[in-house]
């Protein structure tokens, strides 16, 4: 299992692979697999047969997971992809911070 530097709802930038340079919102993090699902990125086609839940079959386009190592969190202040560090506050809480500008990534 990998150390996860992204969370659901974060905006991330892809730094490697066919989607390099694109940005998107994290829909789901799969820490055991070391992968992340990003909205509208790494789309794949799935041939789906009709089922009880999905009456209409056919070819469905959906997101495919990206490797966690291929994405970086986008800082809200400097608006650039950057590595994140952890800062421990006085009350013991941990906060993710941007390594470029030092601004907190978490809202809290």
N, C-alpha and C. Protein backbone atom coordinates (compact mmCIF):
# COMPACT_ATOMS: atom_id res chain seq x y z
N UNK A 1 0.84 -1.19 0.00
CA UNK A 1 0.00 0.00 0.00
C UNK A 1 0.88 1.24 0.00
N UNK A 2 0.50 2.23 -0.82
CA UNK A 2 1.29 3.45 -0.97
C UNK A 2 0.82 4.53 -0.02
N UNK A 3 1.74 5.44 0.33
CA UNK A 3 1.37 6.64 1.07
C UNK A 3 0.54 7.52 0.13
N UNK A 4 -0.67 7.86 0.52
CA UNK A 4 -1.57 8.60 -0.36
C UNK A 4 -1.44 10.09 -0.12
N UNK A 5 -1.10 10.84 -1.18
CA UNK A 5 -0.93 12.28 -1.08
C UNK A 5 -2.11 13.05 -1.65
N UNK A 6 -3.11 12.33 -2.17
CA UNK A 6 -4.31 12.98 -2.71
C UNK A 6 -5.55 12.45 -1.98
N UNK A 7 -6.59 13.26 -1.98
CA UNK A 7 -7.86 12.87 -1.37
C UNK A 7 -8.98 13.15 -2.34
N UNK A 8 -10.15 12.55 -2.08
CA UNK A 8 -11.31 12.77 -2.93
C UNK A 8 -11.67 14.26 -2.90
N UNK A 9 -11.92 14.82 -4.09
CA UNK A 9 -12.28 16.23 -4.18
C UNK A 9 -11.10 17.14 -4.53
N UNK A 10 -9.87 16.66 -4.39
CA UNK A 10 -8.70 17.46 -4.76
C UNK A 10 -8.65 17.67 -6.26
N UNK A 11 -8.06 18.78 -6.68
CA UNK A 11 -7.76 18.99 -8.10
C UNK A 11 -6.33 18.52 -8.30
N UNK A 12 -6.15 17.65 -9.28
CA UNK A 12 -4.81 17.11 -9.55
C UNK A 12 -4.40 17.37 -10.98
N UNK A 13 -3.09 17.37 -11.21
CA UNK A 13 -2.53 17.50 -12.55
C UNK A 13 -1.80 16.21 -12.87
N UNK A 14 -1.96 15.71 -14.09
CA UNK A 14 -1.30 14.49 -14.51
C UNK A 14 0.09 14.87 -15.02
N UNK A 15 1.12 14.19 -14.51
CA UNK A 15 2.50 14.56 -14.87
C UNK A 15 3.17 13.53 -15.77
N UNK A 16 2.50 12.40 -16.04
CA UNK A 16 3.09 11.38 -16.92
C UNK A 16 1.99 10.59 -17.61
N UNK A 17 2.31 10.02 -18.76
CA UNK A 17 1.36 9.19 -19.48
C UNK A 17 0.65 9.95 -20.59
N UNK A 18 -0.34 9.30 -21.19
CA UNK A 18 -1.02 9.90 -22.34
C UNK A 18 -1.87 11.11 -21.98
N UNK A 19 -2.24 11.26 -20.72
CA UNK A 19 -3.06 12.40 -20.27
C UNK A 19 -2.21 13.51 -19.66
N UNK A 20 -0.89 13.48 -19.89
CA UNK A 20 0.04 14.43 -19.30
C UNK A 20 -0.36 15.88 -19.58
N UNK A 21 -0.31 16.72 -18.52
CA UNK A 21 -0.63 18.14 -18.66
C UNK A 21 -2.08 18.48 -18.37
N UNK A 22 -2.94 17.48 -18.26
CA UNK A 22 -4.36 17.75 -18.01
C UNK A 22 -4.64 17.78 -16.51
N UNK A 23 -5.73 18.46 -16.17
CA UNK A 23 -6.15 18.56 -14.77
C UNK A 23 -7.55 18.02 -14.60
N UNK A 24 -7.85 17.57 -13.40
CA UNK A 24 -9.19 17.07 -13.11
C UNK A 24 -9.41 16.90 -11.63
N UNK A 25 -10.65 16.62 -11.27
CA UNK A 25 -11.04 16.44 -9.88
C UNK A 25 -11.01 14.96 -9.52
N UNK A 26 -10.50 14.63 -8.34
CA UNK A 26 -10.40 13.24 -7.90
C UNK A 26 -11.78 12.74 -7.50
N UNK A 27 -12.23 11.64 -8.14
CA UNK A 27 -13.51 11.04 -7.82
C UNK A 27 -13.36 9.98 -6.73
N UNK A 28 -12.26 9.23 -6.81
CA UNK A 28 -12.08 8.10 -5.91
C UNK A 28 -10.59 7.78 -5.79
N UNK A 29 -10.14 7.41 -4.59
CA UNK A 29 -8.76 7.00 -4.36
C UNK A 29 -8.77 5.52 -3.99
N UNK A 30 -7.92 4.74 -4.66
CA UNK A 30 -7.79 3.31 -4.39
C UNK A 30 -6.40 3.06 -3.82
N UNK A 31 -6.22 3.23 -2.49
CA UNK A 31 -4.88 3.18 -1.89
C UNK A 31 -4.22 1.81 -1.97
N UNK A 32 -4.98 0.73 -1.86
CA UNK A 32 -4.40 -0.61 -1.91
C UNK A 32 -3.80 -0.89 -3.28
N UNK A 33 -4.48 -0.44 -4.33
CA UNK A 33 -4.00 -0.63 -5.70
C UNK A 33 -3.01 0.45 -6.11
N UNK A 34 -2.92 1.54 -5.33
CA UNK A 34 -2.03 2.65 -5.67
C UNK A 34 -2.51 3.42 -6.87
N UNK A 35 -3.83 3.58 -6.98
CA UNK A 35 -4.40 4.24 -8.15
C UNK A 35 -5.43 5.27 -7.73
N UNK A 36 -5.79 6.14 -8.68
CA UNK A 36 -6.74 7.22 -8.41
C UNK A 36 -7.62 7.40 -9.64
N UNK A 37 -8.91 7.67 -9.41
CA UNK A 37 -9.88 7.89 -10.49
C UNK A 37 -10.09 9.40 -10.62
N UNK A 38 -9.78 9.96 -11.80
CA UNK A 38 -9.89 11.40 -12.02
C UNK A 38 -11.00 11.66 -13.03
N UNK A 39 -11.83 12.67 -12.73
CA UNK A 39 -12.98 13.01 -13.54
C UNK A 39 -12.58 13.38 -14.98
N UNK A 40 -13.20 12.73 -15.96
CA UNK A 40 -13.03 12.99 -17.40
C UNK A 40 -11.62 12.73 -17.93
N UNK A 41 -10.79 11.99 -17.20
CA UNK A 41 -9.44 11.66 -17.66
C UNK A 41 -9.27 10.15 -17.76
N UNK A 42 -8.42 9.72 -18.70
CA UNK A 42 -8.11 8.30 -18.92
C UNK A 42 -9.39 7.51 -19.23
N UNK A 43 -10.18 8.04 -20.16
CA UNK A 43 -11.45 7.41 -20.52
C UNK A 43 -11.23 6.11 -21.28
N UNK A 44 -12.09 5.13 -21.00
CA UNK A 44 -12.04 3.84 -21.70
C UNK A 44 -13.44 3.46 -22.13
N UNK A 45 -13.53 2.59 -23.11
CA UNK A 45 -14.83 2.12 -23.57
C UNK A 45 -15.08 0.74 -22.98
N UNK A 46 -16.29 0.52 -22.46
CA UNK A 46 -16.67 -0.75 -21.87
C UNK A 46 -17.91 -1.26 -22.59
N UNK A 47 -17.85 -2.49 -23.05
CA UNK A 47 -19.01 -3.10 -23.70
C UNK A 47 -19.91 -3.66 -22.61
N UNK A 48 -21.10 -3.09 -22.49
CA UNK A 48 -22.01 -3.44 -21.40
C UNK A 48 -23.25 -4.12 -21.96
N UNK A 49 -23.56 -5.30 -21.41
CA UNK A 49 -24.79 -5.96 -21.84
C UNK A 49 -25.95 -5.48 -20.98
N UNK A 50 -27.17 -5.53 -21.47
CA UNK A 50 -28.32 -5.07 -20.68
C UNK A 50 -28.50 -5.92 -19.42
N UNK A 51 -28.77 -5.27 -18.29
CA UNK A 51 -29.01 -5.96 -17.02
C UNK A 51 -30.28 -5.39 -16.39
N UNK A 52 -30.62 -5.89 -15.21
CA UNK A 52 -31.79 -5.37 -14.48
C UNK A 52 -31.61 -3.88 -14.17
N UNK A 53 -30.42 -3.51 -13.71
CA UNK A 53 -30.15 -2.12 -13.35
C UNK A 53 -29.98 -1.23 -14.58
N UNK A 54 -29.29 -1.76 -15.59
CA UNK A 54 -29.01 -0.98 -16.80
C UNK A 54 -29.77 -1.60 -17.96
N UNK A 55 -30.95 -1.08 -18.24
CA UNK A 55 -31.82 -1.64 -19.28
C UNK A 55 -31.17 -1.56 -20.66
N UNK A 56 -30.53 -0.42 -20.93
CA UNK A 56 -29.93 -0.18 -22.23
C UNK A 56 -28.48 -0.64 -22.21
N UNK A 57 -28.15 -1.60 -23.05
CA UNK A 57 -26.76 -2.06 -23.16
C UNK A 57 -26.02 -1.18 -24.15
N UNK A 58 -24.83 -1.60 -24.55
CA UNK A 58 -24.06 -0.86 -25.55
C UNK A 58 -22.67 -0.55 -25.07
N UNK A 59 -22.05 0.40 -25.73
CA UNK A 59 -20.68 0.77 -25.38
C UNK A 59 -20.73 2.01 -24.48
N UNK A 60 -20.18 1.87 -23.29
CA UNK A 60 -20.20 2.94 -22.29
C UNK A 60 -18.78 3.49 -22.13
N UNK A 61 -18.65 4.81 -22.06
CA UNK A 61 -17.34 5.41 -21.79
C UNK A 61 -17.27 5.76 -20.32
N UNK A 62 -16.17 5.35 -19.67
CA UNK A 62 -16.00 5.64 -18.25
C UNK A 62 -14.54 5.87 -17.93
N UNK A 63 -14.29 6.46 -16.75
CA UNK A 63 -12.92 6.74 -16.34
C UNK A 63 -12.22 5.45 -15.93
N UNK A 64 -10.94 5.40 -16.21
CA UNK A 64 -10.11 4.29 -15.80
C UNK A 64 -9.09 4.83 -14.80
N UNK A 65 -8.69 4.05 -13.80
CA UNK A 65 -7.77 4.57 -12.78
C UNK A 65 -6.38 4.91 -13.33
N UNK A 66 -5.79 5.95 -12.77
CA UNK A 66 -4.42 6.37 -13.08
C UNK A 66 -3.54 5.97 -11.89
N UNK A 67 -2.25 5.79 -12.13
CA UNK A 67 -1.32 5.50 -11.04
C UNK A 67 -1.15 6.74 -10.16
N UNK A 68 -1.08 6.54 -8.86
CA UNK A 68 -0.91 7.65 -7.92
C UNK A 68 0.38 8.41 -8.17
N UNK A 69 1.41 7.71 -8.66
CA UNK A 69 2.69 8.36 -8.90
C UNK A 69 2.66 9.30 -10.09
N UNK A 70 1.60 9.22 -10.91
CA UNK A 70 1.50 10.06 -12.10
C UNK A 70 0.67 11.32 -11.90
N UNK A 71 0.23 11.59 -10.67
CA UNK A 71 -0.55 12.80 -10.40
C UNK A 71 0.06 13.60 -9.25
N UNK A 72 -0.12 14.91 -9.34
CA UNK A 72 0.30 15.83 -8.28
C UNK A 72 -0.86 16.73 -7.92
N UNK A 73 -0.97 17.09 -6.65
CA UNK A 73 -2.02 17.99 -6.18
C UNK A 73 -1.74 19.39 -6.70
N UNK A 74 -2.79 20.09 -7.14
CA UNK A 74 -2.65 21.48 -7.60
C UNK A 74 -2.93 22.39 -6.40
N UNK A 75 -1.98 23.25 -6.11
CA UNK A 75 -2.11 24.19 -4.98
C UNK A 75 -3.13 25.27 -5.33
N UNK A 76 -3.95 25.64 -4.37
CA UNK A 76 -4.98 26.65 -4.59
C UNK A 76 -4.41 28.05 -4.73
N UNK A 77 -3.30 28.32 -4.05
CA UNK A 77 -2.72 29.67 -4.07
C UNK A 77 -1.83 29.91 -5.29
N UNK A 78 -0.85 29.01 -5.52
CA UNK A 78 0.06 29.25 -6.65
C UNK A 78 -0.46 28.63 -7.95
N UNK A 79 -1.54 27.87 -7.90
CA UNK A 79 -2.21 27.27 -9.06
C UNK A 79 -1.26 26.45 -9.94
N UNK A 80 -0.31 25.77 -9.28
CA UNK A 80 0.63 24.90 -9.98
C UNK A 80 0.65 23.55 -9.29
N UNK A 81 0.94 22.49 -10.06
CA UNK A 81 1.07 21.18 -9.42
C UNK A 81 2.32 21.17 -8.54
N UNK A 82 2.19 20.66 -7.32
CA UNK A 82 3.35 20.62 -6.44
C UNK A 82 3.25 19.43 -5.50
N UNK A 83 4.38 19.06 -4.97
CA UNK A 83 4.41 18.00 -3.98
C UNK A 83 3.82 18.55 -2.70
N UNK A 84 3.29 17.66 -1.87
CA UNK A 84 2.69 18.11 -0.62
C UNK A 84 3.48 17.56 0.56
N UNK A 85 3.57 18.39 1.58
CA UNK A 85 4.23 17.99 2.82
C UNK A 85 3.20 17.99 3.94
N UNK A 86 3.63 17.56 5.12
CA UNK A 86 2.72 17.54 6.26
C UNK A 86 3.26 18.44 7.35
N UNK A 87 2.38 19.29 7.88
CA UNK A 87 2.73 20.20 8.96
C UNK A 87 1.85 19.83 10.15
N UNK A 88 2.46 19.66 11.32
CA UNK A 88 1.70 19.34 12.53
C UNK A 88 1.40 20.63 13.27
N UNK A 89 0.11 20.87 13.51
CA UNK A 89 -0.31 22.08 14.22
C UNK A 89 -0.10 21.93 15.72
N UNK A 90 -0.24 23.03 16.45
CA UNK A 90 -0.04 23.04 17.91
C UNK A 90 -1.00 22.10 18.63
N UNK A 91 -2.23 21.97 18.10
CA UNK A 91 -3.21 21.10 18.76
C UNK A 91 -3.08 19.63 18.34
N UNK A 92 -2.04 19.31 17.54
CA UNK A 92 -1.79 17.91 17.17
C UNK A 92 -2.36 17.48 15.84
N UNK A 93 -3.17 18.34 15.20
CA UNK A 93 -3.74 18.00 13.90
C UNK A 93 -2.69 18.08 12.82
N UNK A 94 -2.82 17.23 11.79
CA UNK A 94 -1.90 17.25 10.66
C UNK A 94 -2.56 17.99 9.50
N UNK A 95 -1.76 18.74 8.77
CA UNK A 95 -2.26 19.55 7.68
C UNK A 95 -1.34 19.37 6.47
N UNK A 96 -1.94 19.15 5.29
CA UNK A 96 -1.12 19.06 4.07
C UNK A 96 -0.77 20.47 3.61
N UNK A 97 0.50 20.68 3.26
CA UNK A 97 0.95 21.99 2.80
C UNK A 97 1.66 21.85 1.46
N UNK A 98 1.59 22.92 0.66
CA UNK A 98 2.26 22.99 -0.63
C UNK A 98 3.76 23.18 -0.40
N UNK A 99 4.59 22.38 -1.09
CA UNK A 99 6.04 22.51 -0.93
C UNK A 99 6.58 23.72 -1.68
N UNK A 100 5.83 24.26 -2.63
CA UNK A 100 6.28 25.44 -3.40
C UNK A 100 6.13 26.72 -2.59
N UNK A 101 4.89 26.96 -2.08
CA UNK A 101 4.62 28.24 -1.43
C UNK A 101 4.35 28.13 0.08
N UNK A 102 4.18 26.91 0.58
CA UNK A 102 3.94 26.74 2.01
C UNK A 102 2.50 26.91 2.44
N UNK A 103 1.60 27.17 1.49
CA UNK A 103 0.18 27.36 1.79
C UNK A 103 -0.49 26.04 2.11
N UNK A 104 -1.47 26.05 3.01
CA UNK A 104 -2.21 24.83 3.37
C UNK A 104 -3.08 24.38 2.19
N UNK A 105 -3.06 23.09 1.89
CA UNK A 105 -3.87 22.53 0.82
C UNK A 105 -5.27 22.19 1.35
N UNK A 106 -5.30 21.69 2.59
CA UNK A 106 -6.58 21.32 3.21
C UNK A 106 -7.33 22.56 3.64
N UNK A 107 -8.66 22.46 3.57
CA UNK A 107 -9.49 23.56 4.04
C UNK A 107 -9.85 23.28 5.49
N UNK A 108 -9.09 23.80 6.43
CA UNK A 108 -9.40 23.53 7.81
C UNK A 108 -8.34 23.83 8.73
